[in-house]
């Protein structure tokens, strides 16, 4: 399987990322929460990708740096924003170009931290803590291992309307073709995850509280990290973060698992304990 950096650096993916122009509900929630306070903050937008979040966070910041380890992503940002903002190539696991206690807020959106192994993830958390000032904020999203629909990613059940008898022949053929392609993709994911018993596989990961799996991200070309809320909070506390709170993908600030587990992502806001 391909390395995440190679995939993100490809023209097809970096080009698609550069076209994105929106905020997730949970990202908008941060703008609502901090508002004018961002003017007093130095912000690092790590894993900036094609600059999706730049448009919304950079104008609010006291200073702003967008960073990504994929050179082509940074090139896309520079084309998109020209000289308006600063963009640099940097790997979150080794941010040697940044001094300690340099930022007040680090944003790592779109599950960027899930591109790494468990060990590299912990290294990234330590580096993020290092570059943050005392009581600085870290905000990021991660794949939710307790997502209630996780097993459905690998299910071979066809679309409920796919074989509707009332559909015309053209619709039926189109639907059949979609179901075949979908079934092939899900079979491939099951093979990549070395398990045709999806529920058992997901349950095993949940017992471990974390793990890598191939899902529909990046067309299944690379594994991604999934983690339970409890395990992610433990990792943050061990890395030296405090006052950890969680947001659903639509921006609801909650600790209730029944709400959070309706989404495949959970957003975490925490402060550096220095």
C-alpha atoms as a PDB file:
ATOM      1  CA  UNK A   1       0.000   0.000   0.000  1.00  0.00           C
ATOM      2  CA  UNK A   2       1.089   3.553  -0.682  1.00  0.00           C
ATOM      3  CA  UNK A   3       2.474   5.915   1.924  1.00  0.00           C
ATOM      4  CA  UNK A   4       0.089   8.672   3.002  1.00  0.00           C
ATOM      5  CA  UNK A   5       2.543  11.394   2.048  1.00  0.00           C
ATOM      6  CA  UNK A   6       2.861  10.033  -1.489  1.00  0.00           C
ATOM      7  CA  UNK A   7      -0.917   9.958  -1.826  1.00  0.00           C
ATOM      8  CA  UNK A   8      -1.432  13.480  -0.474  1.00  0.00           C
ATOM      9  CA  UNK A   9       1.359  14.771  -2.672  1.00  0.00           C
ATOM     10  CA  UNK A  10      -0.223  13.365  -5.830  1.00  0.00           C
ATOM     11  CA  UNK A  11      -1.677  15.848  -8.292  1.00  0.00           C
ATOM     12  CA  UNK A  12      -5.106  14.211  -8.213  1.00  0.00           C
ATOM     13  CA  UNK A  13      -5.548  14.469  -4.449  1.00  0.00           C
ATOM     14  CA  UNK A  14      -3.786  17.797  -3.867  1.00  0.00           C
ATOM     15  CA  UNK A  15      -5.715  19.289  -6.767  1.00  0.00           C
ATOM     16  CA  UNK A  16      -9.020  18.083  -5.334  1.00  0.00           C
ATOM     17  CA  UNK A  17      -8.146  19.392  -1.869  1.00  0.00           C
ATOM     18  CA  UNK A  18      -7.292  22.799  -3.335  1.00  0.00           C
ATOM     19  CA  UNK A  19     -10.864  23.129  -4.634  1.00  0.00           C
ATOM     20  CA  UNK A  20     -12.472  22.719  -1.223  1.00  0.00           C
ATOM     21  CA  UNK A  21     -14.073  25.804   0.256  1.00  0.00           C
ATOM     22  CA  UNK A  22     -16.099  25.131   3.401  1.00  0.00           C
ATOM     23  CA  UNK A  23     -15.849  24.555   7.129  1.00  0.00           C
ATOM     24  CA  UNK A  24     -17.097  21.578   9.079  1.00  0.00           C
ATOM     25  CA  UNK A  25     -19.684  22.470  11.700  1.00  0.00           C
ATOM     26  CA  UNK A  26     -17.171  21.683  14.444  1.00  0.00           C
ATOM     27  CA  UNK A  27     -14.653  24.067  12.854  1.00  0.00           C
ATOM     28  CA  UNK A  28     -17.214  26.838  12.702  1.00  0.00           C
ATOM     29  CA  UNK A  29     -17.859  26.161  16.393  1.00  0.00           C
ATOM     30  CA  UNK A  30     -14.255  27.163  17.156  1.00  0.00           C
ATOM     31  CA  UNK A  31     -14.671  30.478  15.349  1.00  0.00           C
ATOM     32  CA  UNK A  32     -17.833  31.091  17.352  1.00  0.00           C
ATOM     33  CA  UNK A  33     -16.105  30.100  20.584  1.00  0.00           C
ATOM     34  CA  UNK A  34     -12.940  32.181  20.228  1.00  0.00           C
ATOM     35  CA  UNK A  35     -14.105  34.935  17.882  1.00  0.00           C
ATOM     36  CA  UNK A  36     -12.093  38.111  18.375  1.00  0.00           C
ATOM     37  CA  UNK A  37      -9.725  36.291  20.775  1.00  0.00           C
ATOM     38  CA  UNK A  38      -8.000  34.831  17.722  1.00  0.00           C
ATOM     39  CA  UNK A  39      -6.622  38.316  17.010  1.00  0.00           C
ATOM     40  CA  UNK A  40      -4.369  37.869  20.010  1.00  0.00           C
ATOM     41  CA  UNK A  41      -3.202  34.406  18.928  1.00  0.00           C
ATOM     42  CA  UNK A  42      -0.451  32.991  16.767  1.00  0.00           C
ATOM     43  CA  UNK A  43      -2.100  30.119  14.877  1.00  0.00           C
ATOM     44  CA  UNK A  44      -0.481  27.075  13.299  1.00  0.00           C
ATOM     45  CA  UNK A  45      -2.761  25.350  10.790  1.00  0.00           C
ATOM     46  CA  UNK A  46      -1.053  21.952  10.579  1.00  0.00           C
ATOM     47  CA  UNK A  47      -2.032  19.587   7.773  1.00  0.00           C
ATOM     48  CA  UNK A  48      -3.405  22.605   5.949  1.00  0.00           C
ATOM     49  CA  UNK A  49      -3.876  20.594   2.760  1.00  0.00           C
ATOM     50  CA  UNK A  50      -5.059  22.805  -0.076  1.00  0.00           C
ATOM     51  CA  UNK A  51      -5.907  25.717   2.222  1.00  0.00           C
ATOM     52  CA  UNK A  52      -9.544  24.869   2.955  1.00  0.00           C
ATOM     53  CA  UNK A  53      -9.437  26.251   6.509  1.00  0.00           C
ATOM     54  CA  UNK A  54      -7.090  29.150   5.678  1.00  0.00           C
ATOM     55  CA  UNK A  55      -9.832  31.330   4.227  1.00  0.00           C
ATOM     56  CA  UNK A  56     -11.749  31.257   7.506  1.00  0.00           C
ATOM     57  CA  UNK A  57      -9.077  31.139  10.237  1.00  0.00           C
ATOM     58  CA  UNK A  58      -6.225  33.210   8.810  1.00  0.00           C
ATOM     59  CA  UNK A  59      -8.059  36.573   8.636  1.00  0.00           C
ATOM     60  CA  UNK A  60      -8.984  36.222  12.312  1.00  0.00           C
ATOM     61  CA  UNK A  61      -5.494  35.419  13.596  1.00  0.00           C
ATOM     62  CA  UNK A  62      -2.835  37.660  15.070  1.00  0.00           C
ATOM     63  CA  UNK A  63      -0.446  35.654  12.913  1.00  0.00           C
ATOM     64  CA  UNK A  64      -1.039  32.576  10.800  1.00  0.00           C
ATOM     65  CA  UNK A  65       1.155  29.800   9.370  1.00  0.00           C
ATOM     66  CA  UNK A  66      -0.210  26.983   7.254  1.00  0.00           C
ATOM     67  CA  UNK A  67       1.926  23.835   7.236  1.00  0.00           C
ATOM     68  CA  UNK A  68       1.833  20.465   5.530  1.00  0.00           C
ATOM     69  CA  UNK A  69       4.335  17.669   4.936  1.00  0.00           C
ATOM     70  CA  UNK A  70       3.221  17.251   1.309  1.00  0.00           C
ATOM     71  CA  UNK A  71       5.106  19.756  -0.907  1.00  0.00           C
ATOM     72  CA  UNK A  72       2.391  19.783  -3.540  1.00  0.00           C
ATOM     73  CA  UNK A  73      -0.215  20.794  -0.960  1.00  0.00           C
ATOM     74  CA  UNK A  74       1.901  23.786   0.027  1.00  0.00           C
ATOM     75  CA  UNK A  75       2.363  24.665  -3.641  1.00  0.00           C
ATOM     76  CA  UNK A  76      -1.422  24.647  -4.100  1.00  0.00           C
ATOM     77  CA  UNK A  77      -1.844  26.953  -1.101  1.00  0.00           C
ATOM     78  CA  UNK A  78       0.687  29.422  -2.454  1.00  0.00           C
ATOM     79  CA  UNK A  79      -1.087  29.507  -5.802  1.00  0.00           C
ATOM     80  CA  UNK A  80      -4.458  29.919  -4.121  1.00  0.00           C
ATOM     81  CA  UNK A  81      -3.481  32.679  -1.690  1.00  0.00           C
ATOM     82  CA  UNK A  82      -0.324  34.046  -3.352  1.00  0.00           C
ATOM     83  CA  UNK A  83       1.644  36.091  -0.803  1.00  0.00           C
ATOM     84  CA  UNK A  84      -1.273  36.849   1.479  1.00  0.00           C
ATOM     85  CA  UNK A  85      -0.377  34.198   4.081  1.00  0.00           C
ATOM     86  CA  UNK A  86       2.645  32.147   5.083  1.00  0.00           C
ATOM     87  CA  UNK A  87       2.794  28.462   4.074  1.00  0.00           C
ATOM     88  CA  UNK A  88       5.652  26.106   4.895  1.00  0.00           C
ATOM     89  CA  UNK A  89       6.528  22.461   4.388  1.00  0.00           C
ATOM     90  CA  UNK A  90       6.699  20.790   7.794  1.00  0.00           C
ATOM     91  CA  UNK A  91       6.073  17.344   9.286  1.00  0.00           C
ATOM     92  CA  UNK A  92       4.146  17.484  12.574  1.00  0.00           C
ATOM     93  CA  UNK A  93       6.289  14.649  13.959  1.00  0.00           C
ATOM     94  CA  UNK A  94       9.419  16.789  13.692  1.00  0.00           C
ATOM     95  CA  UNK A  95       8.713  20.521  13.539  1.00  0.00           C
ATOM     96  CA  UNK A  96      12.338  21.603  13.783  1.00  0.00           C
ATOM     97  CA  UNK A  97      11.656  24.903  12.034  1.00  0.00           C
ATOM     98  CA  UNK A  98       9.426  26.014  14.892  1.00  0.00           C
ATOM     99  CA  UNK A  99      10.744  27.032  18.273  1.00  0.00           C
ATOM    100  CA  UNK A 100       9.239  25.879  21.565  1.00  0.00           C
ATOM    101  CA  UNK A 101       6.246  27.831  22.898  1.00  0.00           C
ATOM    102  CA  UNK A 102       5.739  29.594  19.572  1.00  0.00           C
ATOM    103  CA  UNK A 103       1.963  29.251  19.040  1.00  0.00           C
ATOM    104  CA  UNK A 104      -1.248  29.884  20.963  1.00  0.00           C
ATOM    105  CA  UNK A 105      -3.482  27.661  18.846  1.00  0.00           C
ATOM    106  CA  UNK A 106      -2.725  24.599  16.717  1.00  0.00           C
ATOM    107  CA  UNK A 107      -5.395  23.346  14.337  1.00  0.00           C
ATOM    108  CA  UNK A 108      -5.019  19.884  12.784  1.00  0.00           C
ATOM    109  CA  UNK A 109      -8.176  19.335  10.763  1.00  0.00           C
ATOM    110  CA  UNK A 110      -9.636  16.616   8.568  1.00  0.00           C
ATOM    111  CA  UNK A 111      -8.253  13.743  10.654  1.00  0.00           C
ATOM    112  CA  UNK A 112      -4.717  14.518   9.552  1.00  0.00           C
ATOM    113  CA  UNK A 113      -3.284  12.966  12.702  1.00  0.00           C
ATOM    114  CA  UNK A 114      -4.852   9.641  11.687  1.00  0.00           C
ATOM    115  CA  UNK A 115      -2.344   9.265   8.859  1.00  0.00           C
ATOM    116  CA  UNK A 116       0.281   7.977  11.277  1.00  0.00           C
ATOM    117  CA  UNK A 117       1.053   4.836  13.219  1.00  0.00           C
ATOM    118  CA  UNK A 118       0.337   4.759  16.949  1.00  0.00           C
ATOM    119  CA  UNK A 119       3.959   5.533  17.809  1.00  0.00           C
ATOM    120  CA  UNK A 120       4.164   8.420  15.349  1.00  0.00           C
ATOM    121  CA  UNK A 121       0.865   9.748  16.641  1.00  0.00           C
ATOM    122  CA  UNK A 122       2.267  10.005  20.159  1.00  0.00           C
ATOM    123  CA  UNK A 123       5.375  11.699  18.769  1.00  0.00           C
ATOM    124  CA  UNK A 124       3.150  14.231  16.994  1.00  0.00           C
ATOM    125  CA  UNK A 125       1.291  14.999  20.221  1.00  0.00           C
ATOM    126  CA  UNK A 126       4.581  15.685  22.002  1.00  0.00           C
ATOM    127  CA  UNK A 127       5.730  17.995  19.214  1.00  0.00           C
ATOM    128  CA  UNK A 128       2.441  19.878  19.212  1.00  0.00           C
ATOM    129  CA  UNK A 129       2.721  20.368  22.961  1.00  0.00           C
ATOM    130  CA  UNK A 130       6.282  21.638  22.517  1.00  0.00           C
ATOM    131  CA  UNK A 131       5.384  24.362  20.016  1.00  0.00           C
ATOM    132  CA  UNK A 132       2.381  25.565  22.037  1.00  0.00           C
ATOM    133  CA  UNK A 133       2.672  28.215  24.695  1.00  0.00           C
ATOM    134  CA  UNK A 134       1.478  27.652  28.240  1.00  0.00           C
ATOM    135  CA  UNK A 135      -2.310  27.195  28.205  1.00  0.00           C
ATOM    136  CA  UNK A 136      -2.260  27.179  24.399  1.00  0.00           C
ATOM    137  CA  UNK A 137      -5.001  25.280  22.560  1.00  0.00           C
ATOM    138  CA  UNK A 138      -4.896  22.216  20.332  1.00  0.00           C
ATOM    139  CA  UNK A 139      -7.940  21.407  18.194  1.00  0.00           C
ATOM    140  CA  UNK A 140      -8.165  18.396  15.913  1.00  0.00           C
ATOM    141  CA  UNK A 141     -10.435  15.695  14.560  1.00  0.00           C
ATOM    142  CA  UNK A 142      -9.976  11.937  14.593  1.00  0.00           C
ATOM    143  CA  UNK A 143     -11.820   8.869  13.314  1.00  0.00           C
ATOM    144  CA  UNK A 144     -14.232   7.514  15.895  1.00  0.00           C
ATOM    145  CA  UNK A 145     -13.758   3.786  16.545  1.00  0.00           C
ATOM    146  CA  UNK A 146     -17.129   3.634  18.308  1.00  0.00           C
ATOM    147  CA  UNK A 147     -19.019   5.108  15.370  1.00  0.00           C
ATOM    148  CA  UNK A 148     -22.249   3.158  15.281  1.00  0.00           C
ATOM    149  CA  UNK A 149     -22.157   2.714  11.495  1.00  0.00           C
ATOM    150  CA  UNK A 150     -18.518   1.669  11.224  1.00  0.00           C
ATOM    151  CA  UNK A 151     -19.299  -1.938  10.311  1.00  0.00           C
ATOM    152  CA  UNK A 152     -21.488  -0.761   7.427  1.00  0.00           C
ATOM    153  CA  UNK A 153     -18.381   0.403   5.577  1.00  0.00           C
ATOM    154  CA  UNK A 154     -17.635  -3.260   4.936  1.00  0.00           C
ATOM    155  CA  UNK A 155     -21.195  -4.520   4.511  1.00  0.00           C
ATOM    156  CA  UNK A 156     -22.224  -6.173   1.249  1.00  0.00           C
ATOM    157  CA  UNK A 157     -25.853  -5.147   1.608  1.00  0.00           C
ATOM    158  CA  UNK A 158     -27.048  -3.405  -1.530  1.00  0.00           C
ATOM    159  CA  UNK A 159     -28.802  -0.063  -1.605  1.00  0.00           C
ATOM    160  CA  UNK A 160     -32.415  -0.456  -0.495  1.00  0.00           C
ATOM    161  CA  UNK A 161     -33.692   1.211  -3.652  1.00  0.00           C
ATOM    162  CA  UNK A 162     -31.152  -0.443  -5.919  1.00  0.00           C
ATOM    163  CA  UNK A 163     -33.491  -3.189  -7.149  1.00  0.00           C
ATOM    164  CA  UNK A 164     -36.803  -1.406  -6.840  1.00  0.00           C
ATOM    165  CA  UNK A 165     -39.212  -3.149  -9.199  1.00  0.00           C
ATOM    166  CA  UNK A 166     -40.801   0.151 -10.123  1.00  0.00           C
ATOM    167  CA  UNK A 167     -37.583   1.541 -11.573  1.00  0.00           C
ATOM    168  CA  UNK A 168     -37.218   1.632 -15.349  1.00  0.00           C
ATOM    169  CA  UNK A 169     -34.789  -0.745 -17.033  1.00  0.00           C
ATOM    170  CA  UNK A 170     -32.229   2.009 -17.438  1.00  0.00           C
ATOM    171  CA  UNK A 171     -32.413   2.895 -13.758  1.00  0.00           C
ATOM    172  CA  UNK A 172     -32.210  -0.773 -12.824  1.00  0.00           C
ATOM    173  CA  UNK A 173     -29.084  -1.345 -14.917  1.00  0.00           C
ATOM    174  CA  UNK A 174     -27.459   1.792 -13.533  1.00  0.00           C
ATOM    175  CA  UNK A 175     -28.333   0.759  -9.987  1.00  0.00           C
ATOM    176  CA  UNK A 176     -27.061  -2.764 -10.571  1.00  0.00           C
ATOM    177  CA  UNK A 177     -23.777  -1.387 -11.862  1.00  0.00           C
ATOM    178  CA  UNK A 178     -23.435   0.846  -8.806  1.00  0.00           C
ATOM    179  CA  UNK A 179     -24.111  -2.088  -6.498  1.00  0.00           C
ATOM    180  CA  UNK A 180     -21.490  -4.218  -8.266  1.00  0.00           C
ATOM    181  CA  UNK A 181     -18.876  -1.473  -7.967  1.00  0.00           C
ATOM    182  CA  UNK A 182     -19.814  -0.875  -4.335  1.00  0.00           C
ATOM    183  CA  UNK A 183     -19.653  -4.588  -3.580  1.00  0.00           C
ATOM    184  CA  UNK A 184     -16.235  -4.880  -5.191  1.00  0.00           C
ATOM    185  CA  UNK A 185     -14.931  -1.912  -3.182  1.00  0.00           C
ATOM    186  CA  UNK A 186     -16.218  -3.389   0.076  1.00  0.00           C
ATOM    187  CA  UNK A 187     -14.784  -6.807  -0.754  1.00  0.00           C
ATOM    188  CA  UNK A 188     -11.432  -5.125  -1.372  1.00  0.00           C
ATOM    189  CA  UNK A 189     -11.615  -3.342   1.993  1.00  0.00           C
ATOM    190  CA  UNK A 190     -12.394  -6.608   3.759  1.00  0.00           C
ATOM    191  CA  UNK A 191      -9.433  -8.289   2.070  1.00  0.00           C
ATOM    192  CA  UNK A 192      -7.121  -5.395   2.936  1.00  0.00           C
ATOM    193  CA  UNK A 193      -8.251  -5.626   6.553  1.00  0.00           C
ATOM    194  CA  UNK A 194      -7.675  -9.393   6.400  1.00  0.00           C
ATOM    195  CA  UNK A 195     -11.142 -10.149   7.640  1.00  0.00           C
ATOM    196  CA  UNK A 196     -14.414 -11.065   5.960  1.00  0.00           C
ATOM    197  CA  UNK A 197     -16.086 -11.037   9.383  1.00  0.00           C
ATOM    198  CA  UNK A 198     -16.382  -7.287   9.680  1.00  0.00           C
ATOM    199  CA  UNK A 199     -18.198  -7.205  13.025  1.00  0.00           C
ATOM    200  CA  UNK A 200     -15.589  -9.428  14.658  1.00  0.00           C
ATOM    201  CA  UNK A 201     -12.799  -7.305  13.193  1.00  0.00           C
ATOM    202  CA  UNK A 202     -14.323  -4.031  14.386  1.00  0.00           C
ATOM    203  CA  UNK A 203     -15.039  -5.537  17.802  1.00  0.00           C
ATOM    204  CA  UNK A 204     -11.414  -6.611  18.131  1.00  0.00           C
ATOM    205  CA  UNK A 205     -10.265  -3.079  17.385  1.00  0.00           C
ATOM    206  CA  UNK A 206     -12.721  -1.720  19.943  1.00  0.00           C
ATOM    207  CA  UNK A 207     -11.385  -4.041  22.611  1.00  0.00           C
ATOM    208  CA  UNK A 208      -7.943  -2.552  21.934  1.00  0.00           C
ATOM    209  CA  UNK A 209      -9.448   0.982  21.978  1.00  0.00           C
ATOM    210  CA  UNK A 210      -7.462   1.891  18.856  1.00  0.00           C
ATOM    211  CA  UNK A 211      -6.117   0.499  15.618  1.00  0.00           C
ATOM    212  CA  UNK A 212      -5.387   0.907  11.932  1.00  0.00           C
ATOM    213  CA  UNK A 213      -7.855  -0.116   9.263  1.00  0.00           C
ATOM    214  CA  UNK A 214      -8.514   0.412   5.591  1.00  0.00           C
ATOM    215  CA  UNK A 215     -11.726   2.332   5.033  1.00  0.00           C
ATOM    216  CA  UNK A 216     -13.080   4.423   2.161  1.00  0.00           C
ATOM    217  CA  UNK A 217     -10.579   7.218   2.853  1.00  0.00           C
ATOM    218  CA  UNK A 218      -8.161   7.727  -0.045  1.00  0.00           C
ATOM    219  CA  UNK A 219      -9.998   4.958  -1.925  1.00  0.00           C
ATOM    220  CA  UNK A 220      -8.660   2.372   0.492  1.00  0.00           C
ATOM    221  CA  UNK A 221      -5.069   2.905  -0.655  1.00  0.00           C
ATOM    222  CA  UNK A 222      -3.724   3.455   2.860  1.00  0.00           C
ATOM    223  CA  UNK A 223      -4.767   2.473   6.376  1.00  0.00           C
ATOM    224  CA  UNK A 224      -6.011   5.098   8.826  1.00  0.00           C
ATOM    225  CA  UNK A 225      -6.059   5.279  12.614  1.00  0.00           C
ATOM    226  CA  UNK A 226      -9.328   4.867  14.523  1.00  0.00           C
ATOM    227  CA  UNK A 227      -9.586   5.505  18.251  1.00  0.00           C
ATOM    228  CA  UNK A 228     -12.223   5.573  20.979  1.00  0.00           C
ATOM    229  CA  UNK A 229     -12.931   8.816  22.789  1.00  0.00           C
ATOM    230  CA  UNK A 230     -11.683   7.386  26.089  1.00  0.00           C
ATOM    231  CA  UNK A 231      -8.382   6.251  24.568  1.00  0.00           C
ATOM    232  CA  UNK A 232      -7.820   9.552  22.790  1.00  0.00           C
ATOM    233  CA  UNK A 233      -8.374  11.476  26.008  1.00  0.00           C
ATOM    234  CA  UNK A 234      -5.898   9.184  27.767  1.00  0.00           C
ATOM    235  CA  UNK A 235      -3.303   9.836  25.047  1.00  0.00           C
ATOM    236  CA  UNK A 236      -3.779  13.585  25.368  1.00  0.00           C
ATOM    237  CA  UNK A 237      -3.474  13.515  29.141  1.00  0.00           C
ATOM    238  CA  UNK A 238      -0.316  11.395  28.938  1.00  0.00           C
ATOM    239  CA  UNK A 239       1.136  13.859  26.422  1.00  0.00           C
ATOM    240  CA  UNK A 240       0.568  16.798  28.774  1.00  0.00           C
ATOM    241  CA  UNK A 241      -2.796  18.252  27.785  1.00  0.00           C
ATOM    242  CA  UNK A 242      -5.655  19.252  30.064  1.00  0.00           C
ATOM    243  CA  UNK A 243      -9.248  20.556  29.990  1.00  0.00           C
ATOM    244  CA  UNK A 244     -10.144  18.166  27.176  1.00  0.00           C
ATOM    245  CA  UNK A 245     -13.572  18.580  25.641  1.00  0.00           C
ATOM    246  CA  UNK A 246     -15.215  16.996  22.617  1.00  0.00           C
ATOM    247  CA  UNK A 247     -17.391  18.136  19.725  1.00  0.00           C
ATOM    248  CA  UNK A 248     -19.549  16.218  17.304  1.00  0.00           C
ATOM    249  CA  UNK A 249     -18.923  16.790  13.626  1.00  0.00           C
ATOM    250  CA  UNK A 250     -21.822  19.236  13.390  1.00  0.00           C
ATOM    251  CA  UNK A 251     -20.339  21.339  16.201  1.00  0.00           C
ATOM    252  CA  UNK A 252     -22.219  20.163  19.289  1.00  0.00           C
ATOM    253  CA  UNK A 253     -20.048  20.421  22.395  1.00  0.00           C
ATOM    254  CA  UNK A 254     -20.822  17.234  24.320  1.00  0.00           C
ATOM    255  CA  UNK A 255     -19.370  14.354  26.283  1.00  0.00           C
ATOM    256  CA  UNK A 256     -22.341  12.094  25.583  1.00  0.00           C
ATOM    257  CA  UNK A 257     -21.223   8.985  23.739  1.00  0.00           C
ATOM    258  CA  UNK A 258     -24.656   8.349  22.232  1.00  0.00           C
ATOM    259  CA  UNK A 259     -24.408  11.687  20.418  1.00  0.00           C
ATOM    260  CA  UNK A 260     -20.735  11.469  19.482  1.00  0.00           C
ATOM    261  CA  UNK A 261     -21.035   7.912  18.199  1.00  0.00           C
ATOM    262  CA  UNK A 262     -23.516   8.944  15.536  1.00  0.00           C
ATOM    263  CA  UNK A 263     -20.553  10.492  13.699  1.00  0.00           C
ATOM    264  CA  UNK A 264     -17.496   8.893  12.173  1.00  0.00           C
ATOM    265  CA  UNK A 265     -15.352  11.772  13.491  1.00  0.00           C
ATOM    266  CA  UNK A 266     -14.867  13.355  16.896  1.00  0.00           C
ATOM    267  CA  UNK A 267     -13.267  16.772  17.408  1.00  0.00           C
ATOM    268  CA  UNK A 268     -11.099  17.376  20.484  1.00  0.00           C
ATOM    269  CA  UNK A 269     -10.229  20.710  22.086  1.00  0.00           C
ATOM    270  CA  UNK A 270      -7.584  20.750  24.802  1.00  0.00           C
ATOM    271  CA  UNK A 271      -5.053  23.019  26.481  1.00  0.00           C
ATOM    272  CA  UNK A 272      -1.363  22.569  27.116  1.00  0.00           C
ATOM    273  CA  UNK A 273      -0.505  21.776  30.711  1.00  0.00           C
ATOM    274  CA  UNK A 274       2.812  23.612  31.211  1.00  0.00           C
END
